Amino acid sequence: MNAPLIETAPSMPGPCPVIETKRLILRPHRMSDADAIVESLGDYQVVHMLARVPVPYDRQDATDWLSRATSGITPDWSLAITAGDDVHLGVVSIELRHGLWHLGYWLNRFYWGKGLMSEAAGAAVERFFRRMPEVALHSGAFVDNAASLHIQEKLGFSILRCGELYSRARNAVAPHIETRLTEADFRRH
């Protein structure tokens, strides 16, 4: 007799966690984060480094995104980066897109240059690999985003290729670097 064909679902990392670091609390998003997200993504200095965010970015954009991010219908992690007073500083997300896991992030401009994104992204990646050590994380940044590329380098990401990617904020195609990280490379850094 032939054994029945059993389809196995890809492994998933589980629900979006709460992660505490030395200076930050990363937590699942709530609808009450909408105003802070609009404030951050209303800043062209932040949004022009992102591929999928429109300009202008308004409260309806934020509530639409939060509805999806808080719904629990996707396996994605969408972590709000907060300080001890629960002020929303930015986002670290790990999303399943086209069968691959992708790390993305942004930070309110007033918190740049303090090492907060390295701390937040590192903590999210560490927790993800604890749950999913067998998969690779993909990321990338526009060529003119040296700070983001530096964060990825510090985490152990390696460059896969250089290409071009459409940016909604820029309303143009821009040079983009794609990166990849394995759990082994992360542990070495």
Protein backbone atom coordinates (compact mmCIF):
# COMPACT_ATOMS: atom_id res chain seq x y z
CA MET A 1 0.00 0.00 0.00
CA ASN A 2 1.11 3.48 -0.70
CA ALA A 3 1.35 5.77 2.29
CA PRO A 4 -0.92 8.79 2.11
CA LEU A 5 0.71 11.99 1.01
CA ILE A 6 0.99 14.27 4.02
CA GLU A 7 1.53 17.95 3.47
CA THR A 8 3.42 19.67 6.23
CA ALA A 9 2.95 23.35 6.88
CA PRO A 10 6.09 25.43 7.13
CA SER A 11 7.16 26.00 10.70
CA MET A 12 6.10 29.30 12.23
CA PRO A 13 7.70 31.33 15.00
CA GLY A 14 4.55 31.54 17.14
CA PRO A 15 2.80 34.63 18.44
CA CYS A 16 4.49 38.02 18.52
CA PRO A 17 6.44 38.13 21.78
CA VAL A 18 7.24 40.82 24.32
CA ILE A 19 11.01 41.31 24.46
CA GLU A 20 12.83 43.37 27.08
CA THR A 21 16.32 44.72 26.47
CA LYS A 22 18.53 46.94 28.60
CA ARG A 23 16.76 50.13 27.43
CA LEU A 24 13.69 49.02 25.49
CA ILE A 25 10.53 46.99 25.54
CA LEU A 26 9.49 45.45 22.22
CA ARG A 27 5.81 44.53 22.29
CA PRO A 28 3.00 43.68 19.90
CA HIS A 29 1.33 46.73 18.39
CA ARG A 30 -2.01 48.15 19.54
CA MET A 31 -4.43 50.42 17.75
CA SER A 32 -3.48 53.19 20.21
CA ASP A 33 -0.05 53.35 18.50
CA ALA A 34 -1.61 55.00 15.43
CA ASP A 35 -0.85 58.63 16.30
CA ALA A 36 2.80 57.93 17.11
CA ILE A 37 3.22 55.96 13.86
CA VAL A 38 1.68 58.82 11.86
CA GLU A 39 4.04 61.29 13.54
CA SER A 40 7.11 59.18 12.73
CA LEU A 41 6.11 58.28 9.18
CA GLY A 42 5.06 61.84 8.45
CA ASP A 43 8.78 62.66 8.53
CA TYR A 44 10.23 62.36 5.03
CA GLN A 45 13.70 61.70 6.50
CA VAL A 46 12.32 58.42 7.90
CA VAL A 47 9.89 57.37 5.20
CA HIS A 48 12.08 57.90 2.13
CA MET A 49 14.30 55.05 3.34
CA LEU A 50 11.32 52.65 3.24
CA ALA A 51 9.99 50.89 0.16
CA ARG A 52 6.31 50.31 0.92
CA VAL A 53 5.19 53.41 2.84
CA PRO A 54 3.25 56.12 0.97
CA VAL A 55 3.75 59.89 1.20
CA PRO A 56 1.87 61.56 2.68
CA TYR A 57 1.19 59.03 5.46
CA ASP A 58 -2.00 59.69 7.39
CA ARG A 59 -3.99 58.25 10.28
CA GLN A 60 -6.05 56.01 7.97
CA ASP A 61 -2.82 54.50 6.62
CA ALA A 62 -1.75 53.79 10.20
CA THR A 63 -5.05 52.24 11.25
CA ASP A 64 -5.17 50.12 8.08
CA TRP A 65 -1.65 48.82 8.81
CA LEU A 66 -2.41 48.30 12.51
CA SER A 67 -5.59 46.38 11.68
CA ARG A 68 -3.51 43.87 9.74
CA ALA A 69 -0.58 43.87 12.19
CA THR A 70 -2.81 43.26 15.22
CA SER A 71 -5.23 40.79 13.59
CA GLY A 72 -3.25 37.63 14.25
CA ILE A 73 -4.08 36.32 10.76
CA THR A 74 -0.45 36.34 9.61
CA PRO A 75 2.55 34.67 11.23
CA ASP A 76 4.43 38.00 11.13
CA TRP A 77 5.92 39.72 14.14
CA SER A 78 5.30 43.44 14.20
CA LEU A 79 7.03 44.74 17.30
CA ALA A 80 6.54 48.26 18.62
CA ILE A 81 9.84 49.63 19.92
CA THR A 82 9.01 51.43 23.16
CA ALA A 83 10.89 53.05 25.99
CA GLY A 84 10.02 52.39 29.64
CA ASP A 85 7.22 54.95 29.49
CA ASP A 86 5.60 53.02 26.58
CA VAL A 87 6.37 55.80 24.08
CA HIS A 88 6.30 54.32 20.55
CA LEU A 89 9.74 54.94 19.01
CA GLY A 90 9.60 52.72 15.94
CA VAL A 91 9.03 49.24 14.54
CA VAL A 92 10.93 46.00 14.09
CA SER A 93 9.08 43.49 11.95
CA ILE A 94 9.80 39.97 10.83
CA GLU A 95 7.45 39.08 7.99
CA LEU A 96 6.90 36.04 5.83
CA ARG A 97 6.90 37.34 2.25
CA HIS A 98 7.02 35.13 -0.83
CA GLY A 99 8.04 32.15 1.32
CA LEU A 100 11.02 33.94 2.90
CA TRP A 101 11.35 35.62 6.29
CA HIS A 102 12.24 39.33 6.09
CA LEU A 103 13.51 41.72 8.75
CA GLY A 104 12.40 45.33 8.44
CA TYR A 105 12.62 48.29 10.77
CA TRP A 106 12.34 52.03 11.20
CA LEU A 107 12.86 54.48 14.03
CA ASN A 108 11.53 57.95 14.75
CA ARG A 109 14.27 60.36 13.65
CA PHE A 110 14.61 61.95 17.10
CA TYR A 111 15.98 58.63 18.42
CA TRP A 112 18.58 58.06 15.69
CA GLY A 113 22.25 57.76 16.61
CA LYS A 114 21.74 56.25 20.07
CA GLY A 115 22.15 52.57 19.19
CA LEU A 116 18.47 51.86 19.85
CA MET A 117 17.76 50.21 16.51
CA SER A 118 20.78 47.93 16.79
CA GLU A 119 19.55 46.91 20.26
CA ALA A 120 15.96 46.39 19.11
CA ALA A 121 16.76 44.55 15.87
CA GLY A 122 19.36 42.38 17.60
CA ALA A 123 16.87 41.36 20.30
CA ALA A 124 14.14 40.56 17.76
CA VAL A 125 16.52 38.53 15.59
CA GLU A 126 17.85 36.64 18.63
CA ARG A 127 14.32 35.68 19.73
CA PHE A 128 13.34 34.74 16.17
CA PHE A 129 16.34 32.44 15.77
CA ARG A 130 15.62 30.86 19.15
CA ARG A 131 12.26 29.81 17.72
CA MET A 132 13.32 29.29 14.09
CA PRO A 133 17.04 28.35 13.96
CA GLU A 134 16.74 26.50 10.65
CA VAL A 135 15.62 29.44 8.52
CA ALA A 136 17.42 32.45 7.11
CA LEU A 137 16.36 36.05 7.51
CA HIS A 138 16.42 38.40 4.54
CA SER A 139 16.64 42.16 4.67
CA GLY A 140 18.15 45.01 2.74
CA ALA A 141 18.37 48.75 2.45
CA PHE A 142 18.58 51.45 -0.14
CA VAL A 143 22.19 52.24 -1.02
CA ASP A 144 21.93 55.72 0.49
CA ASN A 145 20.85 54.30 3.88
CA ALA A 146 24.30 53.72 5.40
CA ALA A 147 22.93 53.53 8.97
CA SER A 148 20.60 50.64 8.13
CA LEU A 149 23.30 48.78 6.22
CA HIS A 150 25.62 49.26 9.22
CA ILE A 151 23.03 47.70 11.56
CA GLN A 152 22.71 44.71 9.26
CA GLU A 153 26.48 44.35 9.06
CA LYS A 154 26.74 44.40 12.88
CA LEU A 155 24.10 41.66 13.11
CA GLY A 156 26.04 39.47 10.66
CA PHE A 157 24.01 39.89 7.47
CA SER A 158 25.88 39.28 4.24
CA ILE A 159 25.18 40.95 0.92
CA LEU A 160 23.35 38.79 -1.61
CA ARG A 161 23.02 41.21 -4.49
CA CYS A 162 22.63 44.80 -5.51
CA GLY A 163 19.68 45.81 -7.61
CA GLU A 164 16.91 48.32 -7.77
CA LEU A 165 13.68 48.57 -5.78
CA TYR A 166 10.67 50.82 -6.17
CA SER A 167 10.09 53.21 -3.25
CA ARG A 168 6.56 54.55 -2.85
CA ALA A 169 7.86 57.50 -0.80
CA ARG A 170 10.37 58.48 -3.47
CA ASN A 171 7.98 57.54 -6.27
CA ALA A 172 11.00 56.13 -8.05
CA VAL A 173 13.21 53.11 -8.40
CA ALA A 174 16.39 53.40 -6.32
CA PRO A 175 19.55 51.32 -5.90
CA HIS A 176 18.99 48.68 -3.22
CA ILE A 177 21.19 46.11 -1.48
CA GLU A 178 19.64 42.74 -0.51
CA THR A 179 21.08 40.92 2.50
CA ARG A 180 20.71 37.56 4.23
CA LEU A 181 21.43 36.22 7.74
CA THR A 182 21.63 32.70 9.08
CA GLU A 183 21.48 31.78 12.74
CA ALA A 184 25.13 30.65 12.62
CA ASP A 185 26.28 33.99 11.19
CA PHE A 186 24.22 35.86 13.80
CA ARG A 187 25.79 33.87 16.67
CA ARG A 188 29.30 34.66 15.33
CA HIS A 189 28.70 38.43 15.65
